[in-house]
Amino acid sequence: MNLSWAPADLNCIVAGTSAGDVFIWDISKHKILQDICSHKDKKVFCVSWNHKDCRKIASAGESGYCYVHQVSGTMLQEYRHPGPVYGCDWRDADILATGCEDGKIRIFNVSKNRREPVTELKAHLKKVFRVKWNPVYADILCSGSDDSSVRIWSYSKAQCLTILVGHSDNVRGLVWCPEVPFMLISGSWDRTLRVWDARHANCLDVNLDHGADVYGLSIHPVRPFLLASCSRDSTMRLWSLASFVAPLQLKVLSEKPVEEIIDGTEQHKSFSSGLHLCGIRAEHLQMTLEKTDVTHHSSKRLKLFADLFCGDVRVKNLWDLVYVLQGHTDISQLSPNYSQSIMHHSHLVKCSLALAAEHEIDANRGSSVASRKFSTAENQEALAESYLRCGALQQYCELMIRLHQWDHALALAPAVSVDYWRKLVSR
């Protein structure tokens, strides 16, 4: 089965099955919205939902056809190939690339009423299994094949720019990093994941953690440095790509100008440019920095970049601690899970004290679940211990008095003040 997410917030997927069905599934309602049967009983190898025109879905399969349907099920185009079609991917609202058994890549313009490709690339020595357009540079396309190679293409020049050699078996998974567009990840039957610098055909990393063929790769739609892989070893694994952009993270921490981190200018964008963030998330971040005028407020700037670089709760906790170490004390500016994670010692007492006070208030109200929890003498003593550990000695003494343990209260009262001790003696 092959899957493709709907764009934006439609919360749907399109899936192709080995039985020849293409169906649209509503995730929130748990039901099939549309079942398309154009492939009849032939296997569907690939489906692709158009993210520029959400009404269009492409599907390719064993029948030798690539079909384009509307989400309603109406067929818009059918493109015949000389053999099974294994891959398909949209560049924009109209341009569609396919990979075929004959080793060729064909590029079609769906808006034109013609069934012949506008461009045909003699791509590989064996079948092309996957094709992927670059998410930033519309002219760049990559392809993976059973000849064990990955190739990078220029659509406008109709030529191969470079060949990525390193896999020793069929290449199955391909995905571009959406924020660092020269970074390409591939997966193969040789059990490896490879991370490439496609500009210079350099392999940046090889991972052998999967125990069998790697089939599928995908990048999280909101967290651009979170990679998912699936394998014949029956596992799905999540990987962080953040280490490959460590120089950019250091620039953020050292408060370098935004222009050194984000390249949002069209005239400077080229596939061979240096390490910058160039994707949609980075553009939105840059607009936020400009609109809210936080360029010179390091704390807010740091938090915005932290959300982009690391969606992982544990890594966010690290960025929270960096924020605190810079001298900021406002806990409300930190991530929601901060109080449940590793806290800076300056916040430890404050948070514990606030939690204890909240429990005491609930207990005094006498209505909630928390009040029932802290209503017994034993739990009141535990609450008093919480105050004691936080150094809130007066609150501890008052709870001890409420429990009629005057000796404990009087023993610690001088640590609050001599006047407070005298008042307790009078009471």
Protein backbone atom coordinates (compact mmCIF):
# COMPACT_ATOMS: atom_id res chain seq x y z
CA MET A 1 0.00 0.00 0.00
CA ASN A 2 1.15 3.54 -0.78
CA LEU A 3 -0.17 6.68 0.98
CA SER A 4 -0.23 10.41 0.35
CA TRP A 5 -1.51 13.08 2.73
CA ALA A 6 -3.94 15.75 1.63
CA PRO A 7 -2.61 19.32 1.69
CA ALA A 8 -3.32 21.94 4.35
CA ASP A 9 -5.76 20.92 7.09
CA LEU A 10 -8.03 18.59 5.09
CA ASN A 11 -7.07 15.72 7.43
CA CYS A 12 -7.43 13.08 4.70
CA ILE A 13 -5.18 10.56 2.99
CA VAL A 14 -5.32 8.87 -0.37
CA ALA A 15 -4.15 5.27 -0.52
CA GLY A 16 -3.45 2.79 -3.29
CA THR A 17 -3.71 -0.96 -2.72
CA SER A 18 -2.42 -4.15 -4.34
CA ALA A 19 -6.05 -4.96 -5.20
CA GLY A 20 -6.20 -1.98 -7.57
CA ASP A 21 -8.23 0.37 -5.38
CA VAL A 22 -7.50 4.03 -4.79
CA PHE A 23 -9.50 5.37 -1.88
CA ILE A 24 -9.72 8.64 0.01
CA TRP A 25 -9.95 8.25 3.76
CA ASP A 26 -11.19 10.87 6.22
CA ILE A 27 -8.93 10.54 9.27
CA SER A 28 -11.19 12.36 11.74
CA LYS A 29 -14.43 10.62 10.71
CA HIS A 30 -12.80 7.19 10.20
CA LYS A 31 -14.53 6.52 6.92
CA ILE A 32 -13.87 6.21 3.19
CA LEU A 33 -15.00 9.27 1.25
CA GLN A 34 -14.24 7.98 -2.24
CA ASP A 35 -13.23 4.66 -3.81
CA ILE A 36 -11.70 4.90 -7.30
CA CYS A 37 -11.38 1.68 -9.28
CA SER A 38 -9.68 2.78 -12.55
CA HIS A 39 -6.78 0.34 -12.08
CA LYS A 40 -9.26 -2.54 -11.93
CA ASP A 41 -7.45 -5.57 -10.44
CA LYS A 42 -3.91 -4.33 -11.12
CA LYS A 43 -1.62 -3.25 -8.27
CA VAL A 44 -1.34 0.44 -7.45
CA PHE A 45 2.31 1.29 -6.74
CA CYS A 46 2.11 5.01 -6.03
CA VAL A 47 -0.40 7.76 -5.25
CA SER A 48 0.24 11.51 -5.01
CA TRP A 49 -2.13 14.22 -3.78
CA ASN A 50 -1.51 17.56 -5.50
CA HIS A 51 -0.55 20.12 -2.82
CA LYS A 52 -1.01 23.10 -5.13
CA ASP A 53 -4.44 22.05 -6.40
CA CYS A 54 -6.06 19.87 -3.73
CA ARG A 55 -8.73 18.69 -6.18
CA LYS A 56 -6.24 16.50 -8.11
CA ILE A 57 -4.89 13.06 -7.25
CA ALA A 58 -2.49 10.98 -9.36
CA SER A 59 -2.11 7.20 -9.15
CA ALA A 60 0.28 4.87 -10.95
CA GLY A 61 0.44 1.11 -11.14
CA GLU A 62 0.97 -2.28 -12.70
CA SER A 63 -1.52 -1.57 -15.49
CA GLY A 64 0.99 0.74 -17.21
CA TYR A 65 -1.23 3.79 -16.68
CA CYS A 66 -0.93 6.88 -14.57
CA TYR A 67 -4.39 8.28 -13.88
CA VAL A 68 -5.30 11.77 -12.72
CA HIS A 69 -8.62 12.05 -10.91
CA GLN A 70 -10.52 14.72 -9.13
CA VAL A 71 -11.28 13.97 -5.48
CA SER A 72 -14.88 13.44 -6.58
CA GLY A 73 -13.70 10.41 -8.58
CA THR A 74 -13.98 12.02 -12.03
CA MET A 75 -11.07 11.08 -14.31
CA LEU A 76 -9.19 14.08 -15.77
CA GLN A 77 -6.36 12.35 -17.66
CA GLU A 78 -4.89 8.92 -18.32
CA TYR A 79 -1.30 8.50 -19.43
CA ARG A 80 -0.29 5.21 -21.00
CA HIS A 81 3.25 3.86 -20.48
CA PRO A 82 5.05 0.91 -22.12
CA GLY A 83 5.23 -0.93 -18.78
CA PRO A 84 4.27 -0.70 -15.12
CA VAL A 85 4.49 2.79 -13.59
CA TYR A 86 6.11 2.76 -10.15
CA GLY A 87 6.38 6.41 -9.18
CA CYS A 88 4.53 9.70 -9.65
CA ASP A 89 4.90 13.14 -8.08
CA TRP A 90 3.47 16.64 -8.61
CA ARG A 91 5.67 19.68 -9.08
CA ASP A 92 2.81 22.20 -9.05
CA ALA A 93 -0.86 22.34 -10.01
CA ASP A 94 -0.24 20.93 -13.52
CA ILE A 95 3.22 19.35 -13.93
CA LEU A 96 3.42 15.64 -13.10
CA ALA A 97 6.46 13.32 -13.27
CA THR A 98 6.31 9.51 -13.54
CA GLY A 99 8.87 6.72 -13.29
CA CYS A 100 8.47 3.60 -15.45
CA GLU A 101 9.63 0.02 -15.88
CA ASP A 102 11.58 1.04 -19.02
CA GLY A 103 13.97 3.23 -16.97
CA LYS A 104 12.53 6.52 -18.23
CA ILE A 105 11.08 9.54 -16.49
CA ARG A 106 8.13 11.17 -18.23
CA ILE A 107 6.84 14.63 -17.41
CA PHE A 108 3.26 15.57 -18.30
CA ASN A 109 1.33 18.84 -18.28
CA VAL A 110 -2.15 17.95 -17.05
CA SER A 111 -3.61 21.31 -18.16
CA LYS A 112 -2.89 20.47 -21.82
CA ASN A 113 -5.25 18.12 -23.61
CA ARG A 114 -2.55 15.74 -24.79
CA ARG A 115 -1.48 12.30 -23.63
CA GLU A 116 2.16 12.55 -24.71
CA PRO A 117 4.78 13.75 -22.20
CA VAL A 118 6.19 17.26 -22.62
CA THR A 119 9.61 15.88 -21.61
CA GLU A 120 11.05 12.38 -21.59
CA LEU A 121 14.29 11.59 -19.75
CA LYS A 122 16.27 8.43 -20.44
CA ALA A 123 17.00 8.07 -16.80
CA HIS A 124 18.27 4.70 -15.60
CA LEU A 125 19.55 1.33 -16.76
CA LYS A 126 16.73 -0.42 -14.89
CA LYS A 127 13.24 0.54 -13.77
CA VAL A 128 12.61 3.89 -12.09
CA PHE A 129 10.82 3.22 -8.83
CA ARG A 130 10.51 6.68 -7.30
CA VAL A 131 10.55 10.30 -8.52
CA LYS A 132 10.49 13.38 -6.26
CA TRP A 133 10.41 17.07 -7.11
CA ASN A 134 12.51 19.39 -4.97
CA PRO A 135 10.21 21.35 -2.60
CA VAL A 136 12.10 24.64 -3.09
CA TYR A 137 13.75 24.54 -6.51
CA ALA A 138 11.00 23.79 -9.02
CA ASP A 139 13.53 22.87 -11.72
CA ILE A 140 15.10 20.02 -9.72
CA LEU A 141 13.88 16.43 -9.77
CA CYS A 142 15.40 13.27 -8.29
CA SER A 143 14.85 9.62 -9.20
CA GLY A 144 15.71 6.27 -7.61
CA SER A 145 16.13 3.02 -9.51
CA ASP A 146 16.81 -0.69 -9.41
CA ASP A 147 20.24 0.12 -10.89
CA SER A 148 21.11 1.17 -7.28
CA SER A 149 21.65 4.82 -8.20
CA VAL A 150 19.91 8.08 -7.39
CA ARG A 151 19.99 10.77 -10.07
CA ILE A 152 19.42 14.51 -9.88
CA TRP A 153 17.81 16.18 -12.91
CA SER A 154 17.21 19.65 -14.31
CA TYR A 155 13.73 19.83 -15.81
CA SER A 156 14.42 22.94 -17.89
CA LYS A 157 17.67 21.54 -19.32
CA ALA A 158 16.30 17.98 -19.59
CA GLN A 159 19.61 16.61 -18.38
CA CYS A 160 21.13 14.75 -15.45
CA LEU A 161 23.07 17.05 -13.14
CA THR A 162 24.69 14.40 -10.93
CA ILE A 163 24.54 10.72 -9.99
CA LEU A 164 24.55 9.63 -6.34
CA VAL A 165 26.39 6.32 -6.07
CA GLY A 166 26.63 4.29 -2.87
CA HIS A 167 23.66 1.93 -2.56
CA SER A 168 24.31 -1.70 -3.46
CA ASP A 169 20.70 -2.71 -4.17
CA ASN A 170 17.35 -1.35 -5.41
CA VAL A 171 16.55 2.20 -4.26
CA ARG A 172 13.01 2.48 -2.89
CA GLY A 173 12.61 5.50 -0.61
CA LEU A 174 13.37 9.11 -1.58
CA VAL A 175 12.59 12.36 0.22
CA TRP A 176 13.98 15.91 0.15
CA CYS A 177 14.46 17.94 3.31
CA PRO A 178 11.93 20.78 2.87
CA GLU A 179 14.10 23.42 4.61
CA VAL A 180 17.59 22.47 3.34
CA PRO A 181 16.73 21.67 -0.26
CA PHE A 182 20.05 20.16 -1.30
CA MET A 183 19.69 17.51 1.46
CA LEU A 184 18.25 14.28 0.07
CA ILE A 185 17.55 11.05 1.97
CA SER A 186 17.34 7.67 0.24
CA GLY A 187 16.45 4.15 1.40
CA SER A 188 17.38 0.89 -0.27
CA TRP A 189 17.05 -2.87 -0.25
CA ASP A 190 20.65 -2.90 1.02
CA ARG A 191 19.09 -2.03 4.45
CA THR A 192 20.68 1.43 4.53
CA LEU A 193 19.47 4.98 4.81
CA ARG A 194 21.76 7.52 3.16
CA VAL A 195 21.79 11.27 3.60
CA TRP A 196 23.19 13.12 0.57
CA ASP A 197 24.42 16.57 -0.31
CA ALA A 198 22.90 16.51 -3.79
CA ARG A 199 24.87 19.57 -4.91
CA HIS A 200 28.21 17.76 -4.82
CA ALA A 201 27.07 14.09 -4.83
CA ASN A 202 28.50 13.65 -1.32
CA CYS A 203 27.11 11.03 1.05
CA LEU A 204 26.89 12.73 4.47
CA ASP A 205 25.78 9.71 6.49
CA VAL A 206 24.98 6.01 6.18
CA ASN A 207 22.64 4.32 8.67
CA LEU A 208 22.40 0.55 9.05
CA ASP A 209 19.89 0.31 11.90
CA HIS A 210 17.12 -1.32 9.85
CA GLY A 211 17.35 -5.11 9.71
CA ALA A 212 15.92 -5.47 6.20
CA ASP A 213 14.93 -3.58 3.03
CA VAL A 214 14.02 0.09 3.53
CA TYR A 215 10.86 0.89 1.57
CA GLY A 216 9.38 4.25 2.50
CA LEU A 217 10.62 7.63 3.74
CA SER A 218 8.67 10.71 4.79
CA ILE A 219 9.33 14.07 6.46
CA HIS A 220 6.96 15.42 9.12
CA PRO A 221 4.79 18.19 7.58
CA VAL A 222 5.43 20.63 10.46
CA ARG A 223 8.77 19.42 11.84
CA PRO A 224 11.11 19.57 8.82
CA PHE A 225 13.99 17.77 10.57
CA LEU A 226 11.98 14.72 11.68
CA LEU A 227 12.28 11.76 9.29
CA ALA A 228 10.22 8.57 9.32
CA SER A 229 11.32 5.32 7.67
CA CYS A 230 9.63 1.94 7.24
CA SER A 231 11.20 -1.39 6.41
CA ARG A 232 10.55 -5.03 5.68
CA ASP A 233 11.93 -5.67 9.20
CA SER A 234 8.36 -4.68 10.29
CA THR A 235 9.46 -1.49 12.06
CA MET A 236 8.84 2.18 11.52
CA ARG A 237 11.60 4.41 12.89
CA LEU A 238 11.86 8.12 13.57
CA TRP A 239 15.10 10.01 12.99
CA SER A 240 16.35 13.50 13.72
CA LEU A 241 18.10 15.39 10.92
CA ALA A 242 18.93 18.33 13.21
CA SER A 243 22.62 17.39 13.48
CA PHE A 244 23.08 18.17 9.78
CA VAL A 245 22.12 21.80 10.40
CA ALA A 246 24.16 22.24 13.59
CA PRO A 247 26.07 25.22 12.09
CA LEU A 248 22.77 27.06 11.70
CA GLN A 249 21.78 26.28 15.28
CA LEU A 250 25.11 27.70 16.45
CA LYS A 251 24.41 30.87 14.47
CA VAL A 252 21.06 31.17 16.22
CA LEU A 253 22.68 30.74 19.64
CA SER A 254 25.41 33.26 18.82
CA GLU A 255 22.72 35.73 17.62
CA LYS A 256 23.99 36.07 14.06
CA PRO A 257 21.85 38.11 11.64
CA VAL A 258 18.79 36.31 10.30
CA GLU A 259 20.14 36.73 6.75
CA GLU A 260 22.96 34.31 7.59
CA ILE A 261 20.42 31.65 8.63
CA ILE A 262 17.43 32.12 6.31
CA ASP A 263 17.79 32.76 2.59
CA GLY A 264 14.43 34.21 1.59
CA THR A 265 15.55 36.22 -1.45
CA GLU A 266 14.67 34.72 -4.82
CA GLN A 267 17.66 36.28 -6.59
CA HIS A 268 20.11 34.48 -4.31
CA LYS A 269 18.38 31.13 -4.40
CA SER A 270 20.20 28.49 -6.40
CA PHE A 271 20.64 24.76 -5.99
CA SER A 272 24.37 25.23 -5.41
CA SER A 273 24.02 27.90 -2.70
CA GLY A 274 25.40 27.43 0.82
CA LEU A 275 23.72 26.12 3.97
CA HIS A 276 20.61 28.21 4.66
CA LEU A 277 17.00 27.55 5.57
CA CYS A 278 14.96 28.07 2.42
CA GLY A 279 11.60 26.37 2.91
CA ILE A 280 8.07 27.51 3.70
CA ARG A 281 8.49 27.18 7.47
CA ALA A 282 11.60 29.38 7.37
CA GLU A 283 9.78 31.98 5.26
CA HIS A 284 6.92 32.07 7.76
CA LEU A 285 9.40 32.39 10.60
CA GLN A 286 11.13 35.29 8.87
CA MET A 287 7.80 37.06 8.34
CA THR A 288 6.97 36.57 12.02
CA LEU A 289 10.29 38.09 13.00
CA GLU A 290 9.62 41.10 10.79
CA LYS A 291 5.98 41.62 11.79
CA THR A 292 6.42 41.27 15.53
CA ASP A 293 9.73 43.16 15.60
CA VAL A 294 11.45 40.50 17.69
CA THR A 295 14.72 40.56 15.74
CA HIS A 296 16.48 42.25 18.64
CA HIS A 297 14.71 40.29 21.38
CA SER A 298 16.92 37.24 21.67
CA SER A 299 14.54 35.26 23.87
CA LYS A 300 11.57 35.37 21.47
CA ARG A 301 13.87 34.87 18.50
CA LEU A 302 15.42 31.82 20.15
CA LYS A 303 12.03 30.29 20.90
CA LEU A 304 10.84 30.71 17.29
CA PHE A 305 13.95 29.01 15.93
CA ALA A 306 13.68 26.26 18.55
CA ASP A 307 10.19 25.40 17.32
CA LEU A 308 11.56 25.10 13.78
CA PHE A 309 14.67 23.06 14.55
CA CYS A 310 13.29 20.67 17.14
CA GLY A 311 9.78 19.48 17.67
CA ASP A 312 11.02 16.80 20.06
CA VAL A 313 9.91 17.55 23.64
CA ARG A 314 13.31 16.57 25.07
CA VAL A 315 15.18 18.85 22.69
CA LYS A 316 12.70 21.67 23.34
CA ASN A 317 13.52 21.25 27.02
CA LEU A 318 17.18 21.87 26.21
CA TRP A 319 16.30 25.06 24.31
CA ASP A 320 14.14 26.13 27.29
CA LEU A 321 17.12 25.74 29.60
CA VAL A 322 19.31 27.76 27.21
CA TYR A 323 16.64 30.48 27.28
CA VAL A 324 16.72 30.51 31.11
CA LEU A 325 20.53 30.54 31.20
CA GLN A 326 20.44 33.69 29.09
CA GLY A 327 18.89 35.40 32.10
CA HIS A 328 15.16 35.17 31.36
CA THR A 329 12.86 34.22 34.21
CA ASP A 330 9.36 34.35 32.69
CA ILE A 331 8.16 30.73 32.72
CA SER A 332 5.17 31.63 30.54
CA GLN A 333 7.55 32.12 27.59
CA LEU A 334 8.71 28.50 27.79
CA SER A 335 7.18 25.42 26.20
CA PRO A 336 4.00 23.98 27.82
CA ASN A 337 5.80 20.82 28.99
CA TYR A 338 8.62 22.67 30.74
CA SER A 339 7.27 22.12 34.26
CA GLN A 340 7.08 18.35 33.58
CA SER A 341 10.61 18.25 32.16
CA ILE A 342 14.04 19.08 33.58
CA MET A 343 13.74 22.52 35.15
CA HIS A 344 16.36 25.08 36.02
CA HIS A 345 16.99 25.14 39.80
CA SER A 346 15.68 28.71 40.00
CA HIS A 347 12.27 27.47 38.81
CA LEU A 348 12.20 24.23 40.75
CA VAL A 349 11.10 25.81 44.02
CA LYS A 350 8.66 28.21 42.35
CA CYS A 351 6.90 25.45 40.42
CA SER A 352 6.79 23.07 43.38
CA LEU A 353 5.50 25.82 45.64
CA ALA A 354 2.83 26.81 43.14
CA LEU A 355 1.73 23.19 42.81
CA ALA A 356 1.53 22.74 46.59
CA ALA A 357 -0.45 25.97 46.97
CA GLU A 358 -2.84 24.83 44.25
CA HIS A 359 -3.42 21.54 46.07
CA GLU A 360 -4.05 23.37 49.34
CA ILE A 361 -6.61 25.65 47.71
CA ASP A 362 -8.39 22.63 46.22
CA ALA A 363 -8.38 20.92 49.61
CA ASN A 364 -9.93 23.99 51.25
CA ARG A 365 -12.68 24.11 48.64
CA GLY A 366 -13.57 20.55 49.54
CA SER A 367 -15.19 19.66 46.22
CA SER A 368 -12.73 18.47 43.60
CA VAL A 369 -10.92 15.15 43.17
CA ALA A 370 -7.74 16.87 44.33
CA SER A 371 -9.48 18.01 47.53
CA ARG A 372 -10.48 14.44 48.35
CA LYS A 373 -6.92 13.37 47.67
CA PHE A 374 -5.47 15.89 50.15
CA SER A 375 -8.22 15.76 52.76
CA THR A 376 -6.79 12.98 54.94
CA ALA A 377 -4.27 13.75 57.67
CA GLU A 378 -1.64 11.62 55.93
CA ASN A 379 -1.93 13.55 52.69
CA GLN A 380 -2.02 16.86 54.55
CA GLU A 381 1.32 15.87 56.06
CA ALA A 382 2.65 15.08 52.58
CA LEU A 383 1.48 18.53 51.46
CA ALA A 384 3.27 20.08 54.44
CA GLU A 385 6.44 18.19 53.48
CA SER A 386 6.18 19.72 49.99
CA TYR A 387 6.16 23.18 51.55
CA LEU A 388 9.11 22.26 53.76
CA ARG A 389 11.20 21.04 50.79
CA CYS A 390 10.46 24.30 48.98
CA GLY A 391 11.59 26.33 51.98
CA ALA A 392 8.06 27.69 52.55
CA LEU A 393 8.41 27.31 56.31
CA GLN A 394 5.45 29.47 57.35
CA GLN A 395 3.05 27.47 55.15
CA TYR A 396 4.51 24.28 56.66
CA CYS A 397 3.97 25.57 60.20
CA GLU A 398 0.36 26.57 59.47
CA LEU A 399 -0.44 23.13 58.09
CA MET A 400 1.15 21.49 61.14
CA ILE A 401 -1.06 23.62 63.40
CA ARG A 402 -4.10 22.58 61.37
CA LEU A 403 -3.08 18.98 62.05
CA HIS A 404 -2.62 19.82 65.78
CA GLN A 405 1.09 19.07 65.59
CA TRP A 406 2.16 22.15 67.53
CA ASP A 407 5.55 20.77 68.46
CA HIS A 408 6.60 20.57 64.76
CA ALA A 409 5.23 24.04 64.09
CA LEU A 410 6.95 25.64 67.12
CA ALA A 411 10.22 23.85 66.36
CA LEU A 412 10.53 25.51 62.92
CA ALA A 413 8.76 28.82 63.64
CA PRO A 414 11.99 30.64 64.72
CA ALA A 415 13.38 29.94 61.22
CA VAL A 416 10.58 32.14 59.86
CA SER A 417 11.14 34.87 62.45
CA VAL A 418 11.24 35.35 66.22
CA ASP A 419 8.07 37.47 66.01
CA TYR A 420 6.25 34.66 64.18
CA TRP A 421 7.39 32.19 66.88
CA ARG A 422 6.05 34.50 69.63
CA LYS A 423 2.68 34.74 67.81
CA LEU A 424 2.46 30.96 67.64
CA VAL A 425 3.30 30.71 71.35
CA SER A 426 0.50 33.19 72.09
CA ARG A 427 -1.94 31.21 69.98
